[in-house]
Structure formats: structure tokens, C-alpha cells
C-alpha atoms as a PDB file:
ATOM      1  CA  UNK A   1     112.095 106.538  63.930  1.00  0.00           C
ATOM      2  CA  UNK A   2     108.947 107.906  62.303  1.00  0.00           C
ATOM      3  CA  UNK A   3     105.396 107.911  63.536  1.00  0.00           C
ATOM      4  CA  UNK A   4     101.993 108.687  62.083  1.00  0.00           C
ATOM      5  CA  UNK A   5     100.937 112.296  62.526  1.00  0.00           C
ATOM      6  CA  UNK A   6      99.001 112.916  65.688  1.00  0.00           C
ATOM      7  CA  UNK A   7      95.443 114.247  65.569  1.00  0.00           C
ATOM      8  CA  UNK A   8      94.764 117.978  65.661  1.00  0.00           C
ATOM      9  CA  UNK A   9      93.377 117.914  69.227  1.00  0.00           C
ATOM     10  CA  UNK A  10      96.265 116.855  71.437  1.00  0.00           C
ATOM     11  CA  UNK A  11      95.127 117.488  74.988  1.00  0.00           C
ATOM     12  CA  UNK A  12      92.240 116.324  77.116  1.00  0.00           C
ATOM     13  CA  UNK A  13      89.541 118.952  77.367  1.00  0.00           C
ATOM     14  CA  UNK A  14      89.843 121.134  80.449  1.00  0.00           C
ATOM     15  CA  UNK A  15      86.093 120.581  80.909  1.00  0.00           C
ATOM     16  CA  UNK A  16      86.659 116.897  81.587  1.00  0.00           C
ATOM     17  CA  UNK A  17      85.430 116.511  85.153  1.00  0.00           C
ATOM     18  CA  UNK A  18      86.796 112.981  85.314  1.00  0.00           C
ATOM     19  CA  UNK A  19      90.289 114.050  84.320  1.00  0.00           C
ATOM     20  CA  UNK A  20      90.147 116.978  86.735  1.00  0.00           C
ATOM     21  CA  UNK A  21      89.208 114.616  89.561  1.00  0.00           C
ATOM     22  CA  UNK A  22      92.172 112.338  88.823  1.00  0.00           C
ATOM     23  CA  UNK A  23      94.473 115.344  88.516  1.00  0.00           C
ATOM     24  CA  UNK A  24      93.375 116.539  91.962  1.00  0.00           C
ATOM     25  CA  UNK A  25      93.858 113.048  93.351  1.00  0.00           C
ATOM     26  CA  UNK A  26      97.334 112.878  91.819  1.00  0.00           C
ATOM     27  CA  UNK A  27      98.309 116.240  93.321  1.00  0.00           C
ATOM     28  CA  UNK A  28      96.957 115.217  96.717  1.00  0.00           C
ATOM     29  CA  UNK A  29      98.918 111.957  96.705  1.00  0.00           C
ATOM     30  CA  UNK A  30     102.063 113.888  95.789  1.00  0.00           C
ATOM     31  CA  UNK A  31     101.677 115.916  98.988  1.00  0.00           C
ATOM     32  CA  UNK A  32     101.255 112.779 101.093  1.00  0.00           C
ATOM     33  CA  UNK A  33     103.844 110.479  99.485  1.00  0.00           C
ATOM     34  CA  UNK A  34     107.172 112.203  98.959  1.00  0.00           C
ATOM     35  CA  UNK A  35     109.797 111.019  96.482  1.00  0.00           C
ATOM     36  CA  UNK A  36     107.743 108.214  94.937  1.00  0.00           C
ATOM     37  CA  UNK A  37     106.192 109.888  91.906  1.00  0.00           C
ATOM     38  CA  UNK A  38     106.474 106.755  89.761  1.00  0.00           C
ATOM     39  CA  UNK A  39     104.634 104.714  92.387  1.00  0.00           C
ATOM     40  CA  UNK A  40     101.822 107.285  92.517  1.00  0.00           C
ATOM     41  CA  UNK A  41     101.465 107.365  88.735  1.00  0.00           C
ATOM     42  CA  UNK A  42     101.565 103.578  88.384  1.00  0.00           C
ATOM     43  CA  UNK A  43      98.966 103.171  91.116  1.00  0.00           C
ATOM     44  CA  UNK A  44      96.604 105.551  89.323  1.00  0.00           C
ATOM     45  CA  UNK A  45      97.374 103.893  85.968  1.00  0.00           C
ATOM     46  CA  UNK A  46      96.479 100.520  87.478  1.00  0.00           C
ATOM     47  CA  UNK A  47      93.169 101.974  88.681  1.00  0.00           C
ATOM     48  CA  UNK A  48      92.453 103.503  85.258  1.00  0.00           C
ATOM     49  CA  UNK A  49      93.439 100.315  83.427  1.00  0.00           C
ATOM     50  CA  UNK A  50      91.410  98.123  85.809  1.00  0.00           C
ATOM     51  CA  UNK A  51      94.433  96.031  86.783  1.00  0.00           C
ATOM     52  CA  UNK A  52      96.615  94.997  89.697  1.00  0.00           C
ATOM     53  CA  UNK A  53     100.001  96.111  90.929  1.00  0.00           C
ATOM     54  CA  UNK A  54     103.016  94.260  92.334  1.00  0.00           C
ATOM     55  CA  UNK A  55     105.344  96.656  94.181  1.00  0.00           C
ATOM     56  CA  UNK A  56     108.831  95.642  95.233  1.00  0.00           C
ATOM     57  CA  UNK A  57     111.036  97.724  97.482  1.00  0.00           C
ATOM     58  CA  UNK A  58     112.812  97.863 100.817  1.00  0.00           C
ATOM     59  CA  UNK A  59     110.786  98.474 103.994  1.00  0.00           C
ATOM     60  CA  UNK A  60     109.757 102.041 104.792  1.00  0.00           C
ATOM     61  CA  UNK A  61     109.371 103.332 101.220  1.00  0.00           C
ATOM     62  CA  UNK A  62     105.661 104.241 101.501  1.00  0.00           C
ATOM     63  CA  UNK A  63     104.265 101.159  99.756  1.00  0.00           C
ATOM     64  CA  UNK A  64     101.553 100.679 102.357  1.00  0.00           C
ATOM     65  CA  UNK A  65     101.006 104.424 102.731  1.00  0.00           C
ATOM     66  CA  UNK A  66     100.381 104.789  98.984  1.00  0.00           C
ATOM     67  CA  UNK A  67      97.441 102.392  98.821  1.00  0.00           C
ATOM     68  CA  UNK A  68      96.006 103.668 102.117  1.00  0.00           C
ATOM     69  CA  UNK A  69      96.117 107.276 100.902  1.00  0.00           C
ATOM     70  CA  UNK A  70      94.413 106.279  97.649  1.00  0.00           C
ATOM     71  CA  UNK A  71      91.739 104.493  99.678  1.00  0.00           C
ATOM     72  CA  UNK A  72      91.157 107.668 101.689  1.00  0.00           C
ATOM     73  CA  UNK A  73      90.062 109.579  98.572  1.00  0.00           C
ATOM     74  CA  UNK A  74      88.239 106.769  96.769  1.00  0.00           C
ATOM     75  CA  UNK A  75      84.575 105.913  97.183  1.00  0.00           C
ATOM     76  CA  UNK A  76      85.229 102.323  98.190  1.00  0.00           C
ATOM     77  CA  UNK A  77      86.385 100.135 101.033  1.00  0.00           C
ATOM     78  CA  UNK A  78      89.943  99.085 101.819  1.00  0.00           C
ATOM     79  CA  UNK A  79      91.379  96.011 103.498  1.00  0.00           C
ATOM     80  CA  UNK A  80      94.925  95.030 104.340  1.00  0.00           C
ATOM     81  CA  UNK A  81      95.917  91.360 104.349  1.00  0.00           C
ATOM     82  CA  UNK A  82      99.195  90.476 106.047  1.00  0.00           C
ATOM     83  CA  UNK A  83     100.484  87.374 104.271  1.00  0.00           C
ATOM     84  CA  UNK A  84     102.091  84.843 106.603  1.00  0.00           C
ATOM     85  CA  UNK A  85     103.204  81.201 106.204  1.00  0.00           C
ATOM     86  CA  UNK A  86     100.173  79.917 108.158  1.00  0.00           C
ATOM     87  CA  UNK A  87      97.572  81.785 106.073  1.00  0.00           C
ATOM     88  CA  UNK A  88      94.893  79.596 104.439  1.00  0.00           C
ATOM     89  CA  UNK A  89      93.035  80.184 101.132  1.00  0.00           C
ATOM     90  CA  UNK A  90      89.759  80.529 103.019  1.00  0.00           C
ATOM     91  CA  UNK A  91      91.285  83.397 104.995  1.00  0.00           C
ATOM     92  CA  UNK A  92      91.214  85.364 101.727  1.00  0.00           C
ATOM     93  CA  UNK A  93      88.104  84.193  99.917  1.00  0.00           C
ATOM     94  CA  UNK A  94      85.850  83.409 102.852  1.00  0.00           C
ATOM     95  CA  UNK A  95      84.206  80.120 103.799  1.00  0.00           C
ATOM     96  CA  UNK A  96      80.853  78.496 104.385  1.00  0.00           C
ATOM     97  CA  UNK A  97      79.827  78.455 108.057  1.00  0.00           C
ATOM     98  CA  UNK A  98      77.262  76.005 109.399  1.00  0.00           C
ATOM     99  CA  UNK A  99      74.351  77.564 111.303  1.00  0.00           C
ATOM    100  CA  UNK A 100      72.902  74.909 113.655  1.00  0.00           C
ATOM    101  CA  UNK A 101      69.776  76.983 114.326  1.00  0.00           C
ATOM    102  CA  UNK A 102      68.762  76.788 110.651  1.00  0.00           C
ATOM    103  CA  UNK A 103      70.653  73.650 109.614  1.00  0.00           C
ATOM    104  CA  UNK A 104      72.155  75.534 106.647  1.00  0.00           C
ATOM    105  CA  UNK A 105      75.580  76.638 105.501  1.00  0.00           C
ATOM    106  CA  UNK A 106      75.980  80.426 105.157  1.00  0.00           C
ATOM    107  CA  UNK A 107      78.843  81.960 103.208  1.00  0.00           C
ATOM    108  CA  UNK A 108      81.005  84.308 105.268  1.00  0.00           C
ATOM    109  CA  UNK A 109      82.756  86.715 102.918  1.00  0.00           C
ATOM    110  CA  UNK A 110      86.524  87.069 103.197  1.00  0.00           C
ATOM    111  CA  UNK A 111      88.688  90.196 102.870  1.00  0.00           C
ATOM    112  CA  UNK A 112      88.849  89.944  99.071  1.00  0.00           C
ATOM    113  CA  UNK A 113      85.308  91.339  98.994  1.00  0.00           C
ATOM    114  CA  UNK A 114      86.634  94.904  99.192  1.00  0.00           C
ATOM    115  CA  UNK A 115      87.503  97.453  96.501  1.00  0.00           C
ATOM    116  CA  UNK A 116      91.141  98.055  97.386  1.00  0.00           C
ATOM    117  CA  UNK A 117      93.265  95.196  98.711  1.00  0.00           C
ATOM    118  CA  UNK A 118      96.767  95.499 100.118  1.00  0.00           C
ATOM    119  CA  UNK A 119      98.414  92.065  99.948  1.00  0.00           C
ATOM    120  CA  UNK A 120     101.342  92.870 102.207  1.00  0.00           C
ATOM    121  CA  UNK A 121     104.459  90.703 101.776  1.00  0.00           C
ATOM    122  CA  UNK A 122     102.616  88.382  99.418  1.00  0.00           C
ATOM    123  CA  UNK A 123     105.661  86.155  98.944  1.00  0.00           C
ATOM    124  CA  UNK A 124     105.567  85.082 102.615  1.00  0.00           C
ATOM    125  CA  UNK A 125     102.664  82.694 101.983  1.00  0.00           C
ATOM    126  CA  UNK A 126     102.857  79.369 100.115  1.00  0.00           C
ATOM    127  CA  UNK A 127     101.616  78.851  96.568  1.00  0.00           C
ATOM    128  CA  UNK A 128      98.183  77.478  97.545  1.00  0.00           C
ATOM    129  CA  UNK A 129      97.385  80.771  99.288  1.00  0.00           C
ATOM    130  CA  UNK A 130      98.818  82.888  96.481  1.00  0.00           C
ATOM    131  CA  UNK A 131      96.746  80.902  93.969  1.00  0.00           C
ATOM    132  CA  UNK A 132      93.582  81.812  95.889  1.00  0.00           C
ATOM    133  CA  UNK A 133      94.039  85.278  94.396  1.00  0.00           C
ATOM    134  CA  UNK A 134      94.137  84.046  90.779  1.00  0.00           C
ATOM    135  CA  UNK A 135      90.403  83.821  90.120  1.00  0.00           C
ATOM    136  CA  UNK A 136      89.693  87.043  91.992  1.00  0.00           C
ATOM    137  CA  UNK A 137      92.367  88.990  90.106  1.00  0.00           C
ATOM    138  CA  UNK A 138      91.663  87.483  86.695  1.00  0.00           C
ATOM    139  CA  UNK A 139      87.897  87.010  86.595  1.00  0.00           C
ATOM    140  CA  UNK A 140      86.756  89.417  89.345  1.00  0.00           C
ATOM    141  CA  UNK A 141      84.885  86.601  91.022  1.00  0.00           C
ATOM    142  CA  UNK A 142      85.319  84.006  93.765  1.00  0.00           C
ATOM    143  CA  UNK A 143      84.034  80.436  93.672  1.00  0.00           C
ATOM    144  CA  UNK A 144      83.422  78.618  96.952  1.00  0.00           C
ATOM    145  CA  UNK A 145      81.796  75.212  96.720  1.00  0.00           C
ATOM    146  CA  UNK A 146      79.008  75.322  94.127  1.00  0.00           C
ATOM    147  CA  UNK A 147      78.541  79.082  94.272  1.00  0.00           C
ATOM    148  CA  UNK A 148      80.319  81.885  92.432  1.00  0.00           C
ATOM    149  CA  UNK A 149      80.329  85.392  93.883  1.00  0.00           C
ATOM    150  CA  UNK A 150      80.998  88.492  91.794  1.00  0.00           C
ATOM    151  CA  UNK A 151      83.355  91.084  93.236  1.00  0.00           C
ATOM    152  CA  UNK A 152      82.350  94.736  93.226  1.00  0.00           C
ATOM    153  CA  UNK A 153      84.183  97.309  91.117  1.00  0.00           C
ATOM    154  CA  UNK A 154      86.576  98.949  91.220  1.00  0.00           C
ATOM    155  CA  UNK A 155      88.711  96.032  92.387  1.00  0.00           C
ATOM    156  CA  UNK A 156      92.434  96.594  92.719  1.00  0.00           C
ATOM    157  CA  UNK A 157      95.015  94.390  94.413  1.00  0.00           C
ATOM    158  CA  UNK A 158      98.322  95.991  95.306  1.00  0.00           C
ATOM    159  CA  UNK A 159     100.757  93.323  96.455  1.00  0.00           C
ATOM    160  CA  UNK A 160     104.101  94.120  98.049  1.00  0.00           C
ATOM    161  CA  UNK A 161     107.218  92.076  98.448  1.00  0.00           C
ATOM    162  CA  UNK A 162     110.514  92.741 100.188  1.00  0.00           C
ATOM    163  CA  UNK A 163     113.616  92.094  98.044  1.00  0.00           C
ATOM    164  CA  UNK A 164     116.118  92.029 100.910  1.00  0.00           C
ATOM    165  CA  UNK A 165     114.552  89.254 103.004  1.00  0.00           C
ATOM    166  CA  UNK A 166     114.555  85.891 101.252  1.00  0.00           C
ATOM    167  CA  UNK A 167     114.378  83.543 104.242  1.00  0.00           C
ATOM    168  CA  UNK A 168     110.882  82.154 104.698  1.00  0.00           C
ATOM    169  CA  UNK A 169     109.590  83.490 101.381  1.00  0.00           C
ATOM    170  CA  UNK A 170     107.940  81.723  98.449  1.00  0.00           C
ATOM    171  CA  UNK A 171     108.551  83.050  94.916  1.00  0.00           C
ATOM    172  CA  UNK A 172     105.348  83.918  93.114  1.00  0.00           C
ATOM    173  CA  UNK A 173     104.446  81.382  90.389  1.00  0.00           C
ATOM    174  CA  UNK A 174     104.525  82.584  86.791  1.00  0.00           C
ATOM    175  CA  UNK A 175     100.732  82.230  86.439  1.00  0.00           C
ATOM    176  CA  UNK A 176     100.202  84.644  89.303  1.00  0.00           C
ATOM    177  CA  UNK A 177     102.871  87.074  88.162  1.00  0.00           C
ATOM    178  CA  UNK A 178     101.123  87.313  84.792  1.00  0.00           C
ATOM    179  CA  UNK A 179      97.918  88.408  86.553  1.00  0.00           C
ATOM    180  CA  UNK A 180      99.620  91.594  87.700  1.00  0.00           C
ATOM    181  CA  UNK A 181      99.261  94.476  85.271  1.00  0.00           C
ATOM    182  CA  UNK A 182     102.600  95.970  86.342  1.00  0.00           C
ATOM    183  CA  UNK A 183     105.613  95.155  88.496  1.00  0.00           C
ATOM    184  CA  UNK A 184     106.953  98.371  90.020  1.00  0.00           C
ATOM    185  CA  UNK A 185     110.412  98.677  91.584  1.00  0.00           C
ATOM    186  CA  UNK A 186     110.912 101.557  94.024  1.00  0.00           C
ATOM    187  CA  UNK A 187     114.115 102.899  95.529  1.00  0.00           C
ATOM    188  CA  UNK A 188     115.195 105.220  98.334  1.00  0.00           C
ATOM    189  CA  UNK A 189     114.337 108.952  98.020  1.00  0.00           C
ATOM    190  CA  UNK A 190     116.901 111.657  97.422  1.00  0.00           C
ATOM    191  CA  UNK A 191     118.369 113.717 100.274  1.00  0.00           C
ATOM    192  CA  UNK A 192     116.071 116.623  99.372  1.00  0.00           C
ATOM    193  CA  UNK A 193     112.994 114.405  99.453  1.00  0.00           C
ATOM    194  CA  UNK A 194     114.146 112.811 102.699  1.00  0.00           C
ATOM    195  CA  UNK A 195     114.076 116.250 104.331  1.00  0.00           C
ATOM    196  CA  UNK A 196     110.562 116.801 102.998  1.00  0.00           C
ATOM    197  CA  UNK A 197     109.539 113.418 104.406  1.00  0.00           C
ATOM    198  CA  UNK A 198     110.765 114.489 107.842  1.00  0.00           C
ATOM    199  CA  UNK A 199     108.702 117.675 107.687  1.00  0.00           C
ATOM    200  CA  UNK A 200     105.631 115.770 106.509  1.00  0.00           C
ATOM    201  CA  UNK A 201     106.021 113.194 109.302  1.00  0.00           C
ATOM    202  CA  UNK A 202     106.060 115.995 111.904  1.00  0.00           C
ATOM    203  CA  UNK A 203     102.977 117.609 110.373  1.00  0.00           C
ATOM    204  CA  UNK A 204     101.097 114.304 110.357  1.00  0.00           C
ATOM    205  CA  UNK A 205     102.059 113.659 113.975  1.00  0.00           C
ATOM    206  CA  UNK A 206     100.628 117.051 114.947  1.00  0.00           C
ATOM    207  CA  UNK A 207      97.449 116.321 113.001  1.00  0.00           C
ATOM    208  CA  UNK A 208      97.059 113.051 114.900  1.00  0.00           C
ATOM    209  CA  UNK A 209      97.128 114.974 118.201  1.00  0.00           C
ATOM    210  CA  UNK A 210      94.671 117.530 116.845  1.00  0.00           C
ATOM    211  CA  UNK A 211      92.409 114.768 115.488  1.00  0.00           C
ATOM    212  CA  UNK A 212      92.030 116.464 112.103  1.00  0.00           C
ATOM    213  CA  UNK A 213      89.820 114.843 109.491  1.00  0.00           C
ATOM    214  CA  UNK A 214      91.190 113.022 106.475  1.00  0.00           C
ATOM    215  CA  UNK A 215      91.162 114.243 102.906  1.00  0.00           C
ATOM    216  CA  UNK A 216      87.735 114.891 101.396  1.00  0.00           C
ATOM    217  CA  UNK A 217      86.352 112.353  98.945  1.00  0.00           C
ATOM    218  CA  UNK A 218      87.471 113.135  95.390  1.00  0.00           C
ATOM    219  CA  UNK A 219      86.982 109.956  93.343  1.00  0.00           C
ATOM    220  CA  UNK A 220      83.535 108.376  93.215  1.00  0.00           C
ATOM    221  CA  UNK A 221      82.963 104.920  91.736  1.00  0.00           C
ATOM    222  CA  UNK A 222      81.081 106.543  88.859  1.00  0.00           C
ATOM    223  CA  UNK A 223      84.051 108.833  88.144  1.00  0.00           C
ATOM    224  CA  UNK A 224      86.450 105.884  88.088  1.00  0.00           C
ATOM    225  CA  UNK A 225      84.213 103.892  85.735  1.00  0.00           C
ATOM    226  CA  UNK A 226      83.758 106.825  83.341  1.00  0.00           C
ATOM    227  CA  UNK A 227      87.504 107.540  83.404  1.00  0.00           C
ATOM    228  CA  UNK A 228      88.201 103.900  82.565  1.00  0.00           C
ATOM    229  CA  UNK A 229      85.867 104.182  79.575  1.00  0.00           C
ATOM    230  CA  UNK A 230      87.608 107.381  78.426  1.00  0.00           C
ATOM    231  CA  UNK A 231      90.948 105.585  78.638  1.00  0.00           C
ATOM    232  CA  UNK A 232      89.656 102.728  76.470  1.00  0.00           C
ATOM    233  CA  UNK A 233      88.316 105.220  73.903  1.00  0.00           C
ATOM    234  CA  UNK A 234      91.605 107.110  73.626  1.00  0.00           C
ATOM    235  CA  UNK A 235      92.918 107.450  70.072  1.00  0.00           C
ATOM    236  CA  UNK A 236      95.729 105.080  69.117  1.00  0.00           C
ATOM    237  CA  UNK A 237      97.233 105.227  65.644  1.00  0.00           C
ATOM    238  CA  UNK A 238      97.760 101.944  63.792  1.00  0.00           C
ATOM    239  CA  UNK A 239     101.592 102.230  63.877  1.00  0.00           C
ATOM    240  CA  UNK A 240     101.532 102.640  67.669  1.00  0.00           C
ATOM    241  CA  UNK A 241      99.333  99.565  68.062  1.00  0.00           C
ATOM    242  CA  UNK A 242     101.679  97.632  65.785  1.00  0.00           C
ATOM    243  CA  UNK A 243     104.613  98.885  67.870  1.00  0.00           C
ATOM    244  CA  UNK A 244     103.025  97.354  70.981  1.00  0.00           C
ATOM    245  CA  UNK A 245     102.550  94.032  69.212  1.00  0.00           C
ATOM    246  CA  UNK A 246     106.120  93.998  67.911  1.00  0.00           C
ATOM    247  CA  UNK A 247     107.550  94.760  71.357  1.00  0.00           C
ATOM    248  CA  UNK A 248     105.777  91.773  72.873  1.00  0.00           C
ATOM    249  CA  UNK A 249     106.647  89.520  69.941  1.00  0.00           C
ATOM    250  CA  UNK A 250     110.240  90.687  70.292  1.00  0.00           C
ATOM    251  CA  UNK A 251     110.228  89.744  73.960  1.00  0.00           C
ATOM    252  CA  UNK A 252     109.506  86.153  72.878  1.00  0.00           C
ATOM    253  CA  UNK A 253     111.819  85.994  69.875  1.00  0.00           C
ATOM    254  CA  UNK A 254     114.132  88.978  69.361  1.00  0.00           C
ATOM    255  CA  UNK A 255     116.306  87.135  66.812  1.00  0.00           C
ATOM    256  CA  UNK A 256     115.058  89.325  63.887  1.00  0.00           C
ATOM    257  CA  UNK A 257     116.637  92.283  65.677  1.00  0.00           C
ATOM    258  CA  UNK A 258     119.654  90.812  67.422  1.00  0.00           C
ATOM    259  CA  UNK A 259     121.166  87.364  67.956  1.00  0.00           C
ATOM    260  CA  UNK A 260     122.580  88.597  71.259  1.00  0.00           C
ATOM    261  CA  UNK A 261     119.115  89.520  72.519  1.00  0.00           C
ATOM    262  CA  UNK A 262     117.840  86.090  71.451  1.00  0.00           C
ATOM    263  CA  UNK A 263     120.424  84.438  73.707  1.00  0.00           C
ATOM    264  CA  UNK A 264     119.305  86.512  76.681  1.00  0.00           C
ATOM    265  CA  UNK A 265     115.666  85.414  76.890  1.00  0.00           C
ATOM    266  CA  UNK A 266     114.013  82.039  77.529  1.00  0.00           C
ATOM    267  CA  UNK A 267     110.371  83.137  77.617  1.00  0.00           C
ATOM    268  CA  UNK A 268     108.677  86.395  76.757  1.00  0.00           C
ATOM    269  CA  UNK A 269     105.354  88.099  77.334  1.00  0.00           C
ATOM    270  CA  UNK A 270     102.022  86.380  76.737  1.00  0.00           C
ATOM    271  CA  UNK A 271      99.045  87.941  74.899  1.00  0.00           C
ATOM    272  CA  UNK A 272      98.053  89.291  78.315  1.00  0.00           C
ATOM    273  CA  UNK A 273     101.231  91.389  78.136  1.00  0.00           C
ATOM    274  CA  UNK A 274     100.053  92.884  74.832  1.00  0.00           C
ATOM    275  CA  UNK A 275      96.689  93.794  76.352  1.00  0.00           C
ATOM    276  CA  UNK A 276      98.353  95.220  79.459  1.00  0.00           C
ATOM    277  CA  UNK A 277     100.789  97.306  77.422  1.00  0.00           C
ATOM    278  CA  UNK A 278      97.886  98.739  75.429  1.00  0.00           C
ATOM    279  CA  UNK A 279      95.774  99.550  78.514  1.00  0.00           C
ATOM    280  CA  UNK A 280      98.675 101.061  80.466  1.00  0.00           C
ATOM    281  CA  UNK A 281      99.894 103.179  77.545  1.00  0.00           C
ATOM    282  CA  UNK A 282      96.375 104.564  77.123  1.00  0.00           C
ATOM    283  CA  UNK A 283      96.082 105.276  80.853  1.00  0.00           C
ATOM    284  CA  UNK A 284      99.516 106.939  80.910  1.00  0.00           C
ATOM    285  CA  UNK A 285      98.565 109.244  78.037  1.00  0.00           C
ATOM    286  CA  UNK A 286      95.163 110.101  79.563  1.00  0.00           C
ATOM    287  CA  UNK A 287      96.627 110.767  83.005  1.00  0.00           C
ATOM    288  CA  UNK A 288      99.155 113.174  81.469  1.00  0.00           C
ATOM    289  CA  UNK A 289      96.483 115.135  79.627  1.00  0.00           C
ATOM    290  CA  UNK A 290      96.630 113.756  76.083  1.00  0.00           C
ATOM    291  CA  UNK A 291      93.821 112.291  74.002  1.00  0.00           C
ATOM    292  CA  UNK A 292      96.115 110.150  71.848  1.00  0.00           C
ATOM    293  CA  UNK A 293      98.721 107.496  72.603  1.00  0.00           C
ATOM    294  CA  UNK A 294     102.305 108.043  71.482  1.00  0.00           C
ATOM    295  CA  UNK A 295     105.250 105.605  71.308  1.00  0.00           C
ATOM    296  CA  UNK A 296     106.688 107.490  74.288  1.00  0.00           C
ATOM    297  CA  UNK A 297     103.662 106.437  76.362  1.00  0.00           C
ATOM    298  CA  UNK A 298     104.347 102.812  75.443  1.00  0.00           C
ATOM    299  CA  UNK A 299     108.029 103.112  76.310  1.00  0.00           C
ATOM    300  CA  UNK A 300     107.286 104.877  79.609  1.00  0.00           C
ATOM    301  CA  UNK A 301     105.446 101.896  81.051  1.00  0.00           C
ATOM    302  CA  UNK A 302     107.124  99.053  79.113  1.00  0.00           C
ATOM    303  CA  UNK A 303     109.471  98.138  81.966  1.00  0.00           C
ATOM    304  CA  UNK A 304     106.698  97.771  84.551  1.00  0.00           C
ATOM    305  CA  UNK A 305     104.474  95.801  82.176  1.00  0.00           C
ATOM    306  CA  UNK A 306     107.131  93.426  80.855  1.00  0.00           C
ATOM    307  CA  UNK A 307     109.768  92.875  83.562  1.00  0.00           C
ATOM    308  CA  UNK A 308     107.805  90.219  85.478  1.00  0.00           C
ATOM    309  CA  UNK A 309     106.710  88.460  82.291  1.00  0.00           C
ATOM    310  CA  UNK A 310     110.187  87.898  80.853  1.00  0.00           C
ATOM    311  CA  UNK A 311     112.303  84.935  81.898  1.00  0.00           C
ATOM    312  CA  UNK A 312     115.989  85.654  81.372  1.00  0.00           C
ATOM    313  CA  UNK A 313     118.177  82.765  80.214  1.00  0.00           C
ATOM    314  CA  UNK A 314     120.798  81.183  82.450  1.00  0.00           C
ATOM    315  CA  UNK A 315     123.465  82.512  80.108  1.00  0.00           C
ATOM    316  CA  UNK A 316     122.202  86.064  80.527  1.00  0.00           C
ATOM    317  CA  UNK A 317     122.000  85.692  84.316  1.00  0.00           C
ATOM    318  CA  UNK A 318     125.603  84.500  84.368  1.00  0.00           C
ATOM    319  CA  UNK A 319     126.588  87.656  82.467  1.00  0.00           C
ATOM    320  CA  UNK A 320     124.650  89.885  84.891  1.00  0.00           C
ATOM    321  CA  UNK A 321     121.893  90.731  82.400  1.00  0.00           C
ATOM    322  CA  UNK A 322     118.592  91.671  84.059  1.00  0.00           C
ATOM    323  CA  UNK A 323     115.082  91.799  82.630  1.00  0.00           C
ATOM    324  CA  UNK A 324     115.267  95.606  82.630  1.00  0.00           C
ATOM    325  CA  UNK A 325     118.512  95.521  80.628  1.00  0.00           C
ATOM    326  CA  UNK A 326     116.859  93.220  78.093  1.00  0.00           C
ATOM    327  CA  UNK A 327     113.815  95.501  77.817  1.00  0.00           C
ATOM    328  CA  UNK A 328     116.049  98.551  77.335  1.00  0.00           C
ATOM    329  CA  UNK A 329     117.850  96.885  74.436  1.00  0.00           C
ATOM    330  CA  UNK A 330     114.575  95.564  73.002  1.00  0.00           C
ATOM    331  CA  UNK A 331     113.161  99.097  72.885  1.00  0.00           C
ATOM    332  CA  UNK A 332     116.320 100.330  71.136  1.00  0.00           C
ATOM    333  CA  UNK A 333     116.066  97.636  68.484  1.00  0.00           C
ATOM    334  CA  UNK A 334     112.298  97.691  67.858  1.00  0.00           C
ATOM    335  CA  UNK A 335     111.363 100.306  65.231  1.00  0.00           C
ATOM    336  CA  UNK A 336     108.138 102.310  65.113  1.00  0.00           C
ATOM    337  CA  UNK A 337     106.669 102.073  61.623  1.00  0.00           C
END
């Protein structure tokens, strides 16, 4: 595997105030969320890439804590939505309320008019409620009646779902899954991290009694916007861009690489997957202090970007092949020019 030579300057300038702010935020989150480094990084990557996150894991793995801690250091407002079977689309977007004193309808904004949204247990609501998120997540706007309302930036939806409770849940439709920039799977922490979690829980309980203030503000909206622009301007060599395209094309039709892989997949990533892979690879490189994107950056986030966009064939499911297994083999077979 060969790649084009990287540029002479290979690290982000230490004078970059925006990068310093994100580095401080990353370090702070590491002290508050133990044993979930990948979740922290993917959450910050989603913010840098101006996308949304679907997080799947058992209860008690700091999914809710992660987004709340990010909200505590971000110049923006946060709202949690608990998805339930009786939730209505208007409970998310808002609705027009009639004012008898004026004889007019006035729009009452819903919880989606916040910067950070936690869609907790999103798969517990039916499709009509889930679809209410589509326009907001895709176009950053909400249409109610004849009026369209623009959402403020940054706008990030982090949705969670529980893999061990299937009763009373509704699988997310493919159109909605494709709106998520990444699908992150989290697991239980190690024994060492579990001990650290116990110590942190005791410290936080003591702070609650002492009524200590929360973390100081570190990320302003201006900082986030400028960081997003820096991410978009990051250098990407032509072979790396072609590598991204070939990975997504291979997810649709891997027959040029392997007939076995071709039997494993029914549908692959859409052009939105190509865009997401590009944005996330850039954000991953920037967050880790580089001013160029390498194939390793692409591979590091390929699983999260592609796993929810790939539909495994019935034959592969019968053989115990998962989307992650397919992606692993696809990366092995796809060369970098």
C-alpha cells in the first residue's frame, strides 16, 4: 500500500486557538467520562463535521452523560427528549397555538429549537415521530404549515438506542439512519476504568453536596464555526480522496475485489456516505493535531460512518457475518493508490 507524500507541515500550529479550545474540551470530557474515549472523540468529530450521532449501547454506559457534559462547556442550549410510544411529531417540532385574544395562530417552538438535542431511546417511538427529525437533521430547518423556521447553529442530535430491549421498539427506517453521520457502538469499561468510575461518582456526589459550579465555558459558537471551517480546509491528497470514493463504491459492489464480499452485501453506502467519510476523516485528523488527512484517518472512522448504511444479505446473516466484519474485509481489499 503506497500513498502520496504528505506535506512538509504535518501538525496543526500550536498557536491555533480553536484547536487548543477543542483539545481542552477533549481533556475535560476525558476526566468526566471514564472508559469511553471513542464516544468522546466521535462526539467531538460529529460537532466538527456538523453532523449527528447515533449511539448504541447497554444502559449505564454514559451515553446521556456524554452529551450533557459537552453541553456544559458549549455556548449553546441543551434539551433532552425522552422518546416514548405516545410521542407526537408536534412534540418535537412545535405547533401553532390559537390565541383567542388576537384571533391569530402563534407558533410555539418545540424542543428541536435547541443547539444540542439528546433523543433518548429514539427507537421507542413510531416511524411518524422519527420522521419528524428528518427535515431538522438534513436541512437544519422545520416546516410547520406554510412557514419554515431555520434552526440555529451549531445543531447536533445525539440519538441513543438500547440493543438489549427489543420489546416495544421500532427499528429506525433507512432514510433516517442515513441522516446520522455516524453510528457508534459502545461497550462496558475495563476493570481498571470501572474503579476510576467509582472514584469519580463519589467525587461528583460530594460536589453535589457542596454545590460546586460546573465547568467553565470553553467552546463558543464562534470557535465551533471557525473550527468547522478549518476542518473543511484541511489538506487531502488526491489518492486519499479516491480511496474514500472506492471504499463507498466497494460497499455497493465489492465484486472487483472479492466474489465472497459481493455475496455478503445487498445495499451499500449512498453518496451521503462518501460526504460523511470525507468530513469525518478531516475532523479526525484535525482533532488529533494534523493538517492533512491520511488513509489511517479514513480507516479509523470507516466503521462508524458505514455500519448503519450497509445492508447485509440474508446469506451473510445466516453465516453470522455482521456489517463490521464486511467493512473490515472491505478495508483489507481496497487499495490506496
